[in-house]
């Protein structure tokens, strides 16, 4: 091969390396900017989580320090909520199956 072909190949190789470095640099800068924006959003949310909410009700005393009637009432209320959720789920299931039974009629 003539010497000028080698020169063209070397120039082309150097141009491709330079283009690759420019491409990687531009994408790296864009990634840094995006990471900075994400970091700023995260810091705002962490600051908001760190701020105390004065409107919250004071915590009740631990359950083991309260009378057994209080624990029993809380359990009864929680269990009633569970039963209500189960009944609502069964009702929705029955309604959906009723729709599917009439679907092909």
PDB file of N, CA and C in Angstrom:
ATOM      1  N   UNK A   1       0.844  -1.177   0.000  1.00  0.00           N
ATOM      2  CA  UNK A   1       0.000   0.000   0.000  1.00  0.00           C
ATOM      3  C   UNK A   1       0.888   1.237   0.000  1.00  0.00           C
ATOM      4  N   UNK A   2       0.453   2.253  -0.733  1.00  0.00           N
ATOM      5  CA  UNK A   2       1.250   3.481  -0.757  1.00  0.00           C
ATOM      6  C   UNK A   2       1.202   4.177   0.605  1.00  0.00           C
ATOM      7  N   UNK A   3       2.177   5.020   0.827  1.00  0.00           N
ATOM      8  CA  UNK A   3       2.298   5.697   2.126  1.00  0.00           C
ATOM      9  C   UNK A   3       1.136   6.632   2.411  1.00  0.00           C
ATOM     10  N   UNK A   4       0.562   7.241   1.377  1.00  0.00           N
ATOM     11  CA  UNK A   4      -0.522   8.195   1.591  1.00  0.00           C
ATOM     12  C   UNK A   4      -1.805   7.509   2.066  1.00  0.00           C
ATOM     13  N   UNK A   5      -1.995   6.206   1.731  1.00  0.00           N
ATOM     14  CA  UNK A   5      -3.150   5.459   2.225  1.00  0.00           C
ATOM     15  C   UNK A   5      -3.031   5.290   3.741  1.00  0.00           C
ATOM     16  N   UNK A   6      -1.806   5.009   4.194  1.00  0.00           N
ATOM     17  CA  UNK A   6      -1.580   4.874   5.642  1.00  0.00           C
ATOM     18  C   UNK A   6      -1.838   6.193   6.357  1.00  0.00           C
ATOM     19  N   UNK A   7      -1.446   7.288   5.726  1.00  0.00           N
ATOM     20  CA  UNK A   7      -1.692   8.600   6.326  1.00  0.00           C
ATOM     21  C   UNK A   7      -3.199   8.853   6.427  1.00  0.00           C
ATOM     22  N   UNK A   8      -3.949   8.516   5.367  1.00  0.00           N
ATOM     23  CA  UNK A   8      -5.402   8.683   5.398  1.00  0.00           C
ATOM     24  C   UNK A   8      -6.041   7.818   6.493  1.00  0.00           C
ATOM     25  N   UNK A   9      -5.578   6.586   6.627  1.00  0.00           N
ATOM     26  CA  UNK A   9      -6.120   5.708   7.660  1.00  0.00           C
ATOM     27  C   UNK A   9      -5.838   6.247   9.060  1.00  0.00           C
ATOM     28  N   UNK A  10      -4.630   6.757   9.272  1.00  0.00           N
ATOM     29  CA  UNK A  10      -4.275   7.310  10.584  1.00  0.00           C
ATOM     30  C   UNK A  10      -5.098   8.563  10.865  1.00  0.00           C
ATOM     31  N   UNK A  11      -5.263   9.434   9.865  1.00  0.00           N
ATOM     32  CA  UNK A  11      -6.058  10.647  10.053  1.00  0.00           C
ATOM     33  C   UNK A  11      -7.515  10.278  10.348  1.00  0.00           C
ATOM     34  N   UNK A  12      -8.053   9.297   9.620  1.00  0.00           N
ATOM     35  CA  UNK A  12      -9.422   8.858   9.855  1.00  0.00           C
ATOM     36  C   UNK A  12      -9.572   8.273  11.259  1.00  0.00           C
ATOM     37  N   UNK A  13      -8.588   7.468  11.671  1.00  0.00           N
ATOM     38  CA  UNK A  13      -8.634   6.880  13.004  1.00  0.00           C
ATOM     39  C   UNK A  13      -8.604   7.969  14.071  1.00  0.00           C
ATOM     40  N   UNK A  14      -7.726   8.951  13.925  1.00  0.00           N
ATOM     41  CA  UNK A  14      -7.641  10.035  14.901  1.00  0.00           C
ATOM     42  C   UNK A  14      -8.927  10.865  14.917  1.00  0.00           C
ATOM     43  N   UNK A  15      -9.536  11.067  13.745  1.00  0.00           N
ATOM     44  CA  UNK A  15     -10.793  11.810  13.681  1.00  0.00           C
ATOM     45  C   UNK A  15     -11.905  11.039  14.393  1.00  0.00           C
ATOM     46  N   UNK A  16     -11.950   9.732  14.214  1.00  0.00           N
ATOM     47  CA  UNK A  16     -12.971   8.919  14.879  1.00  0.00           C
ATOM     48  C   UNK A  16     -12.750   8.894  16.394  1.00  0.00           C
ATOM     49  N   UNK A  17     -11.516   8.834  16.832  1.00  0.00           N
ATOM     50  CA  UNK A  17     -11.233   8.873  18.270  1.00  0.00           C
ATOM     51  C   UNK A  17     -11.667  10.215  18.844  1.00  0.00           C
ATOM     52  N   UNK A  18     -11.357  11.301  18.141  1.00  0.00           N
ATOM     53  CA  UNK A  18     -11.753  12.629  18.613  1.00  0.00           C
ATOM     54  C   UNK A  18     -13.275  12.755  18.643  1.00  0.00           C
ATOM     55  N   UNK A  19     -13.952  12.268  17.606  1.00  0.00           N
ATOM     56  CA  UNK A  19     -15.416  12.329  17.571  1.00  0.00           C
ATOM     57  C   UNK A  19     -16.015  11.507  18.714  1.00  0.00           C
ATOM     58  N   UNK A  20     -15.440  10.357  18.997  1.00  0.00           N
ATOM     59  CA  UNK A  20     -15.922   9.532  20.103  1.00  0.00           C
ATOM     60  C   UNK A  20     -15.729  10.213  21.441  1.00  0.00           C
ATOM     61  N   UNK A  21     -14.591  10.881  21.624  1.00  0.00           N
ATOM     62  CA  UNK A  21     -14.347  11.602  22.873  1.00  0.00           C
ATOM     63  C   UNK A  21     -15.323  12.766  23.038  1.00  0.00           C
ATOM     64  N   UNK A  22     -15.591  13.486  21.947  1.00  0.00           N
ATOM     65  CA  UNK A  22     -16.549  14.593  22.008  1.00  0.00           C
ATOM     66  C   UNK A  22     -17.942  14.062  22.334  1.00  0.00           C
ATOM     67  N   UNK A  23     -18.335  12.981  21.683  1.00  0.00           N
ATOM     68  CA  UNK A  23     -19.644  12.370  21.924  1.00  0.00           C
ATOM     69  C   UNK A  23     -19.774  11.928  23.381  1.00  0.00           C
ATOM     70  N   UNK A  24     -18.748  11.237  23.880  1.00  0.00           N
ATOM     71  CA  UNK A  24     -18.786  10.772  25.270  1.00  0.00           C
ATOM     72  C   UNK A  24     -18.786  11.951  26.237  1.00  0.00           C
ATOM     73  N   UNK A  25     -18.028  12.994  25.921  1.00  0.00           N
ATOM     74  CA  UNK A  25     -17.990  14.167  26.793  1.00  0.00           C
ATOM     75  C   UNK A  25     -19.330  14.876  26.864  1.00  0.00           C
ATOM     76  N   UNK A  26     -19.981  15.056  25.714  1.00  0.00           N
ATOM     77  CA  UNK A  26     -21.288  15.714  25.702  1.00  0.00           C
ATOM     78  C   UNK A  26     -22.329  14.904  26.475  1.00  0.00           C
ATOM     79  N   UNK A  27     -22.339  13.597  26.255  1.00  0.00           N
ATOM     80  CA  UNK A  27     -23.294  12.763  26.978  1.00  0.00           C
ATOM     81  C   UNK A  27     -22.963  12.704  28.466  1.00  0.00           C
ATOM     82  N   UNK A  28     -21.690  12.742  28.805  1.00  0.00           N
ATOM     83  CA  UNK A  28     -21.307  12.770  30.215  1.00  0.00           C
ATOM     84  C   UNK A  28     -21.765  14.049  30.895  1.00  0.00           C
ATOM     85  N   UNK A  29     -21.622  15.187  30.207  1.00  0.00           N
ATOM     86  CA  UNK A  29     -22.085  16.454  30.782  1.00  0.00           C
ATOM     87  C   UNK A  29     -23.603  16.462  30.952  1.00  0.00           C
ATOM     88  N   UNK A  30     -24.310  15.920  29.971  1.00  0.00           N
ATOM     89  CA  UNK A  30     -25.766  15.838  30.082  1.00  0.00           C
ATOM     90  C   UNK A  30     -26.162  14.937  31.251  1.00  0.00           C
ATOM     91  N   UNK A  31     -25.443  13.827  31.421  1.00  0.00           N
ATOM     92  CA  UNK A  31     -25.744  12.925  32.539  1.00  0.00           C
ATOM     93  C   UNK A  31     -25.470  13.607  33.874  1.00  0.00           C
ATOM     94  N   UNK A  32     -24.401  14.391  33.958  1.00  0.00           N
ATOM     95  CA  UNK A  32     -24.108  15.109  35.198  1.00  0.00           C
ATOM     96  C   UNK A  32     -25.201  16.130  35.510  1.00  0.00           C
ATOM     97  N   UNK A  33     -25.677  16.822  34.489  1.00  0.00           N
ATOM     98  CA  UNK A  33     -26.748  17.799  34.705  1.00  0.00           C
ATOM     99  C   UNK A  33     -28.024  17.100  35.183  1.00  0.00           C
ATOM    100  N   UNK A  34     -28.371  15.968  34.549  1.00  0.00           N
ATOM    101  CA  UNK A  34     -29.554  15.215  34.971  1.00  0.00           C
ATOM    102  C   UNK A  34     -29.395  14.692  36.393  1.00  0.00           C
ATOM    103  N   UNK A  35     -28.205  14.209  36.718  1.00  0.00           N
ATOM    104  CA  UNK A  35     -27.968  13.712  38.076  1.00  0.00           C
ATOM    105  C   UNK A  35     -28.074  14.851  39.084  1.00  0.00           C
ATOM    106  N   UNK A  36     -27.617  16.030  38.718  1.00  0.00           N
ATOM    107  CA  UNK A  36     -27.742  17.180  39.612  1.00  0.00           C
ATOM    108  C   UNK A  36     -29.191  17.556  39.859  1.00  0.00           C
ATOM    109  N   UNK A  37     -30.008  17.507  38.805  1.00  0.00           N
ATOM    110  CA  UNK A  37     -31.434  17.809  38.969  1.00  0.00           C
ATOM    111  C   UNK A  37     -32.117  16.773  39.856  1.00  0.00           C
ATOM    112  N   UNK A  38     -31.769  15.519  39.655  1.00  0.00           N
ATOM    113  CA  UNK A  38     -32.352  14.463  40.487  1.00  0.00           C
ATOM    114  C   UNK A  38     -31.918  14.647  41.936  1.00  0.00           C
ATOM    115  N   UNK A  39     -30.651  14.976  42.142  1.00  0.00           N
ATOM    116  CA  UNK A  39     -30.165  15.219  43.499  1.00  0.00           C
ATOM    117  C   UNK A  39     -30.875  16.388  44.157  1.00  0.00           C
ATOM    118  N   UNK A  40     -31.145  17.436  43.391  1.00  0.00           N
ATOM    119  CA  UNK A  40     -31.855  18.591  43.951  1.00  0.00           C
ATOM    120  C   UNK A  40     -33.278  18.208  44.350  1.00  0.00           C
ATOM    121  N   UNK A  41     -33.956  17.430  43.495  1.00  0.00           N
ATOM    122  CA  UNK A  41     -35.314  16.994  43.838  1.00  0.00           C
ATOM    123  C   UNK A  41     -35.308  16.096  45.071  1.00  0.00           C
ATOM    124  N   UNK A  42     -34.318  15.206  45.135  1.00  0.00           N
ATOM    125  CA  UNK A  42     -34.239  14.326  46.304  1.00  0.00           C
ATOM    126  C   UNK A  42     -33.970  15.118  47.572  1.00  0.00           C
ATOM    127  N   UNK A  43     -33.086  16.102  47.493  1.00  0.00           N
ATOM    128  CA  UNK A  43     -32.781  16.879  48.695  1.00  0.00           C
ATOM    129  C   UNK A  43     -34.007  17.663  49.161  1.00  0.00           C
ATOM    130  N   UNK A  44     -34.800  18.174  48.228  1.00  0.00           N
ATOM    131  CA  UNK A  44     -36.029  18.870  48.619  1.00  0.00           C
ATOM    132  C   UNK A  44     -36.984  17.925  49.343  1.00  0.00           C
ATOM    133  N   UNK A  45     -37.096  16.710  48.837  1.00  0.00           N
ATOM    134  CA  UNK A  45     -38.016  15.757  49.466  1.00  0.00           C
ATOM    135  C   UNK A  45     -37.499  15.309  50.827  1.00  0.00           C
ATOM    136  N   UNK A  46     -36.181  15.117  50.943  1.00  0.00           N
ATOM    137  CA  UNK A  46     -35.630  14.734  52.240  1.00  0.00           C
ATOM    138  C   UNK A  46     -35.787  15.858  53.254  1.00  0.00           C
ATOM    139  N   UNK A  47     -35.627  17.103  52.804  1.00  0.00           N
ATOM    140  CA  UNK A  47     -35.836  18.229  53.709  1.00  0.00           C
ATOM    141  C   UNK A  47     -37.290  18.281  54.173  1.00  0.00           C
ATOM    142  N   UNK A  48     -38.208  18.032  53.241  1.00  0.00           N
ATOM    143  CA  UNK A  48     -39.627  18.046  53.608  1.00  0.00           C
ATOM    144  C   UNK A  48     -39.938  16.922  54.599  1.00  0.00           C
ATOM    145  N   UNK A  49     -39.275  15.775  54.439  1.00  0.00           N
ATOM    146  CA  UNK A  49     -39.502  14.680  55.378  1.00  0.00           C
ATOM    147  C   UNK A  49     -38.912  15.009  56.742  1.00  0.00           C
ATOM    148  N   UNK A  50     -37.834  15.764  56.765  1.00  0.00           N
ATOM    149  CA  UNK A  50     -37.185  16.097  58.021  1.00  0.00           C
ATOM    150  C   UNK A  50     -37.917  17.145  58.822  1.00  0.00           C
ATOM    151  N   UNK A  51     -38.691  17.974  58.148  1.00  0.00           N
ATOM    152  CA  UNK A  51     -39.431  19.008  58.859  1.00  0.00           C
ATOM    153  C   UNK A  51     -40.549  18.361  59.658  1.00  0.00           C
ATOM    154  N   UNK A  52     -40.674  18.768  60.900  1.00  0.00           N
ATOM    155  CA  UNK A  52     -41.716  18.201  61.752  1.00  0.00           C
ATOM    156  C   UNK A  52     -43.068  18.774  61.388  1.00  0.00           C
ATOM    157  N   UNK A  53     -44.072  17.955  61.443  1.00  0.00           N
ATOM    158  CA  UNK A  53     -45.430  18.398  61.184  1.00  0.00           C
ATOM    159  C   UNK A  53     -46.083  18.654  62.531  1.00  0.00           C
ATOM    160  N   UNK A  54     -46.303  19.910  62.849  1.00  0.00           N
ATOM    161  CA  UNK A  54     -46.840  20.283  64.157  1.00  0.00           C
ATOM    162  C   UNK A  54     -48.311  19.922  64.298  1.00  0.00           C
ATOM    163  N   UNK A  55     -48.993  19.644  63.189  1.00  0.00           N
ATOM    164  CA  UNK A  55     -50.424  19.366  63.239  1.00  0.00           C
ATOM    165  C   UNK A  55     -50.716  17.927  63.664  1.00  0.00           C
ATOM    166  N   UNK A  56     -49.691  17.097  63.790  1.00  0.00           N
ATOM    167  CA  UNK A  56     -49.917  15.711  64.167  1.00  0.00           C
ATOM    168  C   UNK A  56     -50.378  15.620  65.612  1.00  0.00           C
ATOM    169  N   UNK A  57     -51.270  14.669  65.831  1.00  0.00           N
ATOM    170  CA  UNK A  57     -51.764  14.451  67.191  1.00  0.00           C
ATOM    171  C   UNK A  57     -50.671  13.776  68.014  1.00  0.00           C
ATOM    172  N   UNK A  58     -50.613  14.059  69.290  1.00  0.00           N
ATOM    173  CA  UNK A  58     -49.602  13.397  70.114  1.00  0.00           C
ATOM    174  C   UNK A  58     -49.858  11.891  70.151  1.00  0.00           C
ATOM    175  N   UNK A  59     -48.794  11.132  70.258  1.00  0.00           N
ATOM    176  CA  UNK A  59     -48.905   9.679  70.250  1.00  0.00           C
ATOM    177  C   UNK A  59     -49.558   9.193  71.537  1.00  0.00           C
ATOM    178  N   UNK A  60     -50.350   8.134  71.406  1.00  0.00           N
ATOM    179  CA  UNK A  60     -50.948   7.518  72.586  1.00  0.00           C
ATOM    180  C   UNK A  60     -49.866   6.789  73.370  1.00  0.00           C
ATOM    181  N   UNK A  61     -50.192   6.485  74.581  1.00  0.00           N
ATOM    182  CA  UNK A  61     -49.275   5.692  75.394  1.00  0.00           C
ATOM    183  C   UNK A  61     -49.172   4.301  74.781  1.00  0.00           C
ATOM    184  N   UNK A  62     -48.076   3.601  75.005  1.00  0.00           N
ATOM    185  CA  UNK A  62     -47.951   2.244  74.463  1.00  0.00           C
ATOM    186  C   UNK A  62     -49.105   1.362  74.933  1.00  0.00           C
ATOM    187  N   UNK A  63     -49.485   0.438  74.084  1.00  0.00           N
ATOM    188  CA  UNK A  63     -50.659  -0.380  74.355  1.00  0.00           C
ATOM    189  C   UNK A  63     -50.495  -1.224  75.615  1.00  0.00           C
ATOM    190  N   UNK A  64     -49.267  -1.678  75.889  1.00  0.00           N
ATOM    191  CA  UNK A  64     -49.092  -2.541  77.057  1.00  0.00           C
ATOM    192  C   UNK A  64     -49.232  -1.783  78.375  1.00  0.00           C
ATOM    193  N   UNK A  65     -49.243  -0.446  78.309  1.00  0.00           N
ATOM    194  CA  UNK A  65     -49.440   0.326  79.536  1.00  0.00           C
ATOM    195  C   UNK A  65     -50.897   0.718  79.739  1.00  0.00           C
ATOM    196  N   UNK A  66     -51.744   0.427  78.760  1.00  0.00           N
ATOM    197  CA  UNK A  66     -53.154   0.787  78.858  1.00  0.00           C
ATOM    198  C   UNK A  66     -53.953  -0.394  79.409  1.00  0.00           C
ATOM    199  N   UNK A  67     -55.164  -0.144  79.879  1.00  0.00           N
ATOM    200  CA  UNK A  67     -55.996  -1.248  80.370  1.00  0.00           C
ATOM    201  C   UNK A  67     -56.312  -2.238  79.247  1.00  0.00           C
ATOM    202  N   UNK A  68     -56.612  -3.467  79.623  1.00  0.00           N
ATOM    203  CA  UNK A  68     -56.907  -4.498  78.627  1.00  0.00           C
ATOM    204  C   UNK A  68     -58.146  -4.163  77.811  1.00  0.00           C
ATOM    205  N   UNK A  69     -59.063  -3.421  78.377  1.00  0.00           N
ATOM    206  CA  UNK A  69     -60.261  -3.031  77.623  1.00  0.00           C
ATOM    207  C   UNK A  69     -59.897  -2.195  76.400  1.00  0.00           C
ATOM    208  N   UNK A  70     -58.901  -1.329  76.539  1.00  0.00           N
ATOM    209  CA  UNK A  70     -58.477  -0.499  75.404  1.00  0.00           C
ATOM    210  C   UNK A  70     -57.897  -1.374  74.303  1.00  0.00           C
ATOM    211  N   UNK A  71     -57.074  -2.342  74.674  1.00  0.00           N
ATOM    212  CA  UNK A  71     -56.497  -3.245  73.675  1.00  0.00           C
ATOM    213  C   UNK A  71     -57.590  -4.071  73.009  1.00  0.00           C
ATOM    214  N   UNK A  72     -58.545  -4.542  73.810  1.00  0.00           N
ATOM    215  CA  UNK A  72     -59.637  -5.344  73.262  1.00  0.00           C
ATOM    216  C   UNK A  72     -60.471  -4.524  72.285  1.00  0.00           C
ATOM    217  N   UNK A  73     -60.757  -3.275  72.626  1.00  0.00           N
ATOM    218  CA  UNK A  73     -61.539  -2.412  71.739  1.00  0.00           C
ATOM    219  C   UNK A  73     -60.794  -2.146  70.434  1.00  0.00           C
ATOM    220  N   UNK A  74     -59.499  -1.901  70.534  1.00  0.00           N
ATOM    221  CA  UNK A  74     -58.718  -1.673  69.314  1.00  0.00           C
ATOM    222  C   UNK A  74     -58.711  -2.919  68.444  1.00  0.00           C
ATOM    223  N   UNK A  75     -58.589  -4.092  69.068  1.00  0.00           N
ATOM    224  CA  UNK A  75     -58.603  -5.337  68.305  1.00  0.00           C
ATOM    225  C   UNK A  75     -59.958  -5.547  67.644  1.00  0.00           C
ATOM    226  N   UNK A  76     -61.039  -5.301  68.383  1.00  0.00           N
ATOM    227  CA  UNK A  76     -62.385  -5.479  67.832  1.00  0.00           C
ATOM    228  C   UNK A  76     -62.591  -4.538  66.646  1.00  0.00           C
ATOM    229  N   UNK A  77     -62.160  -3.292  66.782  1.00  0.00           N
ATOM    230  CA  UNK A  77     -62.300  -2.335  65.677  1.00  0.00           C
ATOM    231  C   UNK A  77     -61.490  -2.770  64.464  1.00  0.00           C
ATOM    232  N   UNK A  78     -60.261  -3.219  64.696  1.00  0.00           N
ATOM    233  CA  UNK A  78     -59.411  -3.649  63.584  1.00  0.00           C
ATOM    234  C   UNK A  78     -60.003  -4.877  62.910  1.00  0.00           C
ATOM    235  N   UNK A  79     -60.510  -5.816  63.694  1.00  0.00           N
ATOM    236  CA  UNK A  79     -61.085  -7.023  63.114  1.00  0.00           C
ATOM    237  C   UNK A  79     -62.369  -6.698  62.343  1.00  0.00           C
ATOM    238  N   UNK A  80     -63.138  -5.749  62.829  1.00  0.00           N
ATOM    239  CA  UNK A  80     -64.337  -5.328  62.101  1.00  0.00           C
ATOM    240  C   UNK A  80     -63.951  -4.721  60.755  1.00  0.00           C
ATOM    241  N   UNK A  81     -62.870  -3.952  60.719  1.00  0.00           N
ATOM    242  CA  UNK A  81     -62.395  -3.398  59.446  1.00  0.00           C
ATOM    243  C   UNK A  81     -61.983  -4.512  58.495  1.00  0.00           C
ATOM    244  N   UNK A  82     -61.315  -5.543  59.015  1.00  0.00           N
ATOM    245  CA  UNK A  82     -60.906  -6.676  58.180  1.00  0.00           C
ATOM    246  C   UNK A  82     -62.135  -7.360  57.595  1.00  0.00           C
ATOM    247  N   UNK A  83     -63.135  -7.591  58.422  1.00  0.00           N
ATOM    248  CA  UNK A  83     -64.358  -8.253  57.943  1.00  0.00           C
ATOM    249  C   UNK A  83     -65.058  -7.392  56.897  1.00  0.00           C
ATOM    250  N   UNK A  84     -65.099  -6.073  57.102  1.00  0.00           N
ATOM    251  CA  UNK A  84     -65.712  -5.180  56.102  1.00  0.00           C
ATOM    252  C   UNK A  84     -64.961  -5.248  54.775  1.00  0.00           C
ATOM    253  N   UNK A  85     -63.636  -5.271  54.823  1.00  0.00           N
ATOM    254  CA  UNK A  85     -62.857  -5.358  53.579  1.00  0.00           C
ATOM    255  C   UNK A  85     -63.098  -6.687  52.874  1.00  0.00           C
ATOM    256  N   UNK A  86     -63.165  -7.777  53.634  1.00  0.00           N
ATOM    257  CA  UNK A  86     -63.415  -9.081  53.023  1.00  0.00           C
ATOM    258  C   UNK A  86     -64.797  -9.132  52.383  1.00  0.00           C
ATOM    259  N   UNK A  87     -65.790  -8.596  53.061  1.00  0.00           N
ATOM    260  CA  UNK A  87     -67.143  -8.582  52.503  1.00  0.00           C
ATOM    261  C   UNK A  87     -67.209  -7.718  51.248  1.00  0.00           C
ATOM    262  N   UNK A  88     -66.520  -6.589  51.253  1.00  0.00           N
ATOM    263  CA  UNK A  88     -66.498  -5.734  50.061  1.00  0.00           C
ATOM    264  C   UNK A  88     -65.823  -6.460  48.906  1.00  0.00           C
ATOM    265  N   UNK A  89     -64.763  -7.200  49.206  1.00  0.00           N
ATOM    266  CA  UNK A  89     -64.075  -7.951  48.157  1.00  0.00           C
ATOM    267  C   UNK A  89     -64.984  -9.038  47.602  1.00  0.00           C
ATOM    268  N   UNK A  90     -65.679  -9.758  48.479  1.00  0.00           N
ATOM    269  CA  UNK A  90     -66.611 -10.799  48.026  1.00  0.00           C
ATOM    270  C   UNK A  90     -67.734 -10.201  47.186  1.00  0.00           C
ATOM    271  N   UNK A  91     -68.245  -9.038  47.600  1.00  0.00           N
ATOM    272  CA  UNK A  91     -69.324  -8.389  46.864  1.00  0.00           C
ATOM    273  C   UNK A  91     -68.854  -7.971  45.473  1.00  0.00           C
ATOM    274  N   UNK A  92     -67.653  -7.371  45.395  1.00  0.00           N
ATOM    275  CA  UNK A  92     -67.121  -6.977  44.080  1.00  0.00           C
ATOM    276  C   UNK A  92     -66.904  -8.196  43.193  1.00  0.00           C
ATOM    277  N   UNK A  93     -66.425  -9.276  43.793  1.00  0.00           N
ATOM    278  CA  UNK A  93     -66.199 -10.503  43.041  1.00  0.00           C
ATOM    279  C   UNK A  93     -67.524 -11.042  42.492  1.00  0.00           C
ATOM    280  N   UNK A  94     -68.556 -11.068  43.329  1.00  0.00           N
ATOM    281  CA  UNK A  94     -69.865 -11.565  42.890  1.00  0.00           C
ATOM    282  C   UNK A  94     -70.444 -10.677  41.794  1.00  0.00           C
ATOM    283  N   UNK A  95     -70.294  -9.362  41.928  1.00  0.00           N
ATOM    284  CA  UNK A  95     -70.794  -8.454  40.892  1.00  0.00           C
ATOM    285  C   UNK A  95     -70.083  -8.692  39.569  1.00  0.00           C
ATOM    286  N   UNK A  96     -68.771  -8.877  39.623  1.00  0.00           N
ATOM    287  CA  UNK A  96     -68.014  -9.091  38.391  1.00  0.00           C
ATOM    288  C   UNK A  96     -68.435 -10.395  37.734  1.00  0.00           C
ATOM    289  N   UNK A  97     -68.601 -11.462  38.531  1.00  0.00           N
ATOM    290  CA  UNK A  97     -69.023 -12.734  37.960  1.00  0.00           C
ATOM    291  C   UNK A  97     -70.436 -12.650  37.405  1.00  0.00           C
ATOM    292  N   UNK A  98     -71.301 -11.858  38.020  1.00  0.00           N
ATOM    293  CA  UNK A  98     -72.653 -11.682  37.482  1.00  0.00           C
ATOM    294  C   UNK A  98     -72.592 -11.016  36.113  1.00  0.00           C
ATOM    295  N   UNK A  99     -71.701 -10.060  35.956  1.00  0.00           N
ATOM    296  CA  UNK A  99     -71.537  -9.407  34.651  1.00  0.00           C
ATOM    297  C   UNK A  99     -71.035 -10.415  33.623  1.00  0.00           C
ATOM    298  N   UNK A 100     -70.067 -11.258  34.010  1.00  0.00           N
ATOM    299  CA  UNK A 100     -69.516 -12.221  33.063  1.00  0.00           C
ATOM    300  C   UNK A 100     -70.526 -13.320  32.726  1.00  0.00           C
ATOM    301  N   UNK A 101     -71.413 -13.663  33.661  1.00  0.00           N
ATOM    302  CA  UNK A 101     -72.432 -14.673  33.351  1.00  0.00           C
ATOM    303  C   UNK A 101     -73.378 -14.171  32.267  1.00  0.00           C
ATOM    304  N   UNK A 102     -73.688 -12.871  32.286  1.00  0.00           N
ATOM    305  CA  UNK A 102     -74.602 -12.299  31.292  1.00  0.00           C
ATOM    306  C   UNK A 102     -73.864 -11.804  30.052  1.00  0.00           C
ATOM    307  N   UNK A 103     -72.568 -11.969  29.995  1.00  0.00           N
ATOM    308  CA  UNK A 103     -71.771 -11.389  28.917  1.00  0.00           C
ATOM    309  C   UNK A 103     -72.152 -11.948  27.552  1.00  0.00           C
ATOM    310  N   UNK A 104     -72.300 -13.252  27.440  1.00  0.00           N
ATOM    311  CA  UNK A 104     -72.558 -13.875  26.138  1.00  0.00           C
ATOM    312  C   UNK A 104     -74.035 -14.085  25.854  1.00  0.00           C
ATOM    313  N   UNK A 105     -74.914 -13.606  26.701  1.00  0.00           N
ATOM    314  CA  UNK A 105     -76.359 -13.788  26.474  1.00  0.00           C
ATOM    315  C   UNK A 105     -76.880 -12.813  25.456  1.00  0.00           C
TER     316      UNK A 105
END
